[in-house]
């Protein structure tokens, strides 16, 4: 069975990414998701203004967001890797 172009691109990209699981979790989970959660929590807590932005609470929110993001990225990595393994076996996702 031939793969579609989208599946081929996914296959080639993930083949390289899956070698660096920790890098994936740190970048996608801790940095991106953790930073986004921290910014949103701080923005909401400051009454939707950036003028009352407190770094101490931002850092606490970032630690919380990073933990949530790392867990999310780990499970996302596992799910994507399962799709990759199915494609590698020749099965359709």
Protein backbone atom coordinates (compact mmCIF):
# COMPACT_ATOMS: atom_id res chain seq x y z
CA UNK A 1 0.00 0.00 0.00
CA UNK A 2 1.34 3.42 -0.95
CA UNK A 3 1.42 6.22 1.58
CA UNK A 4 -0.15 9.59 0.85
CA UNK A 5 2.14 12.62 0.63
CA UNK A 6 0.97 13.81 4.03
CA UNK A 7 1.76 10.43 5.58
CA UNK A 8 5.20 10.39 3.92
CA UNK A 9 6.02 13.85 5.33
CA UNK A 10 4.85 12.78 8.77
CA UNK A 11 6.86 9.55 8.56
CA UNK A 12 10.10 11.31 7.58
CA UNK A 13 9.72 14.10 10.14
CA UNK A 14 8.79 11.81 13.02
CA UNK A 15 11.59 9.38 12.19
CA UNK A 16 14.07 12.12 13.17
CA UNK A 17 12.07 13.55 16.09
CA UNK A 18 11.43 10.27 17.86
CA UNK A 19 15.15 9.85 18.55
CA UNK A 20 15.03 12.85 20.92
CA UNK A 21 12.09 12.22 23.23
CA UNK A 22 13.35 14.46 26.05
CA UNK A 23 13.98 17.34 23.65
CA UNK A 24 10.41 16.95 22.36
CA UNK A 25 8.98 16.97 25.89
CA UNK A 26 11.10 19.92 27.00
CA UNK A 27 10.30 22.04 23.96
CA UNK A 28 6.65 21.18 23.36
CA UNK A 29 5.65 20.56 26.97
CA UNK A 30 7.77 22.65 29.28
CA UNK A 31 8.57 25.61 27.05
CA UNK A 32 5.52 26.02 24.83
CA UNK A 33 2.64 24.66 26.90
CA UNK A 34 4.16 25.64 30.26
CA UNK A 35 4.86 29.18 29.07
CA UNK A 36 1.41 29.56 27.58
CA UNK A 37 -0.32 28.33 30.74
CA UNK A 38 1.82 30.61 32.94
CA UNK A 39 1.12 33.64 30.78
CA UNK A 40 -2.63 32.97 30.64
CA UNK A 41 -2.91 32.36 34.39
CA UNK A 42 -0.96 35.53 35.17
CA UNK A 43 -2.95 37.55 32.63
CA UNK A 44 -6.24 36.39 34.15
CA UNK A 45 -5.01 36.94 37.74
CA UNK A 46 -3.88 40.49 36.93
CA UNK A 47 -7.37 41.47 35.78
CA UNK A 48 -6.63 41.18 32.05
CA UNK A 49 -3.91 43.84 32.11
CA UNK A 50 -0.18 43.44 31.80
CA UNK A 51 0.59 46.42 34.04
CA UNK A 52 0.16 44.35 37.23
CA UNK A 53 2.35 41.49 36.01
CA UNK A 54 4.20 39.94 38.98
CA UNK A 55 7.27 37.84 38.25
CA UNK A 56 7.06 35.78 41.42
CA UNK A 57 3.56 34.52 40.68
CA UNK A 58 4.50 34.09 37.02
CA UNK A 59 7.35 31.76 38.02
CA UNK A 60 5.03 29.71 40.23
CA UNK A 61 2.51 29.52 37.39
CA UNK A 62 5.32 28.52 35.04
CA UNK A 63 6.35 25.65 37.33
CA UNK A 64 2.75 24.45 37.47
CA UNK A 65 2.32 24.87 33.70
CA UNK A 66 5.61 23.12 33.00
CA UNK A 67 4.56 20.07 35.00
CA UNK A 68 1.22 19.93 33.20
CA UNK A 69 2.90 20.53 29.86
CA UNK A 70 5.53 17.82 30.38
CA UNK A 71 2.85 15.26 31.22
CA UNK A 72 0.78 16.32 28.21
CA UNK A 73 3.79 16.21 25.86
CA UNK A 74 4.76 12.76 27.12
CA UNK A 75 1.35 11.30 26.30
CA UNK A 76 1.25 13.18 23.00
CA UNK A 77 4.65 11.72 22.10
CA UNK A 78 3.42 8.21 22.87
CA UNK A 79 0.28 8.68 20.76
CA UNK A 80 2.19 10.06 17.78
CA UNK A 81 4.78 7.31 18.09
CA UNK A 82 2.04 4.68 17.97
CA UNK A 83 0.77 6.23 14.72
CA UNK A 84 4.32 6.16 13.38
CA UNK A 85 4.70 2.48 14.23
CA UNK A 86 1.42 1.66 12.48
CA UNK A 87 2.60 3.49 9.37
CA UNK A 88 5.92 1.67 9.55
CA UNK A 89 4.08 -1.66 9.55
CA UNK A 90 2.10 -0.52 6.52
CA UNK A 91 -1.24 -0.12 8.24
CA UNK A 92 -3.42 2.92 7.63
CA UNK A 93 -3.89 5.28 10.54
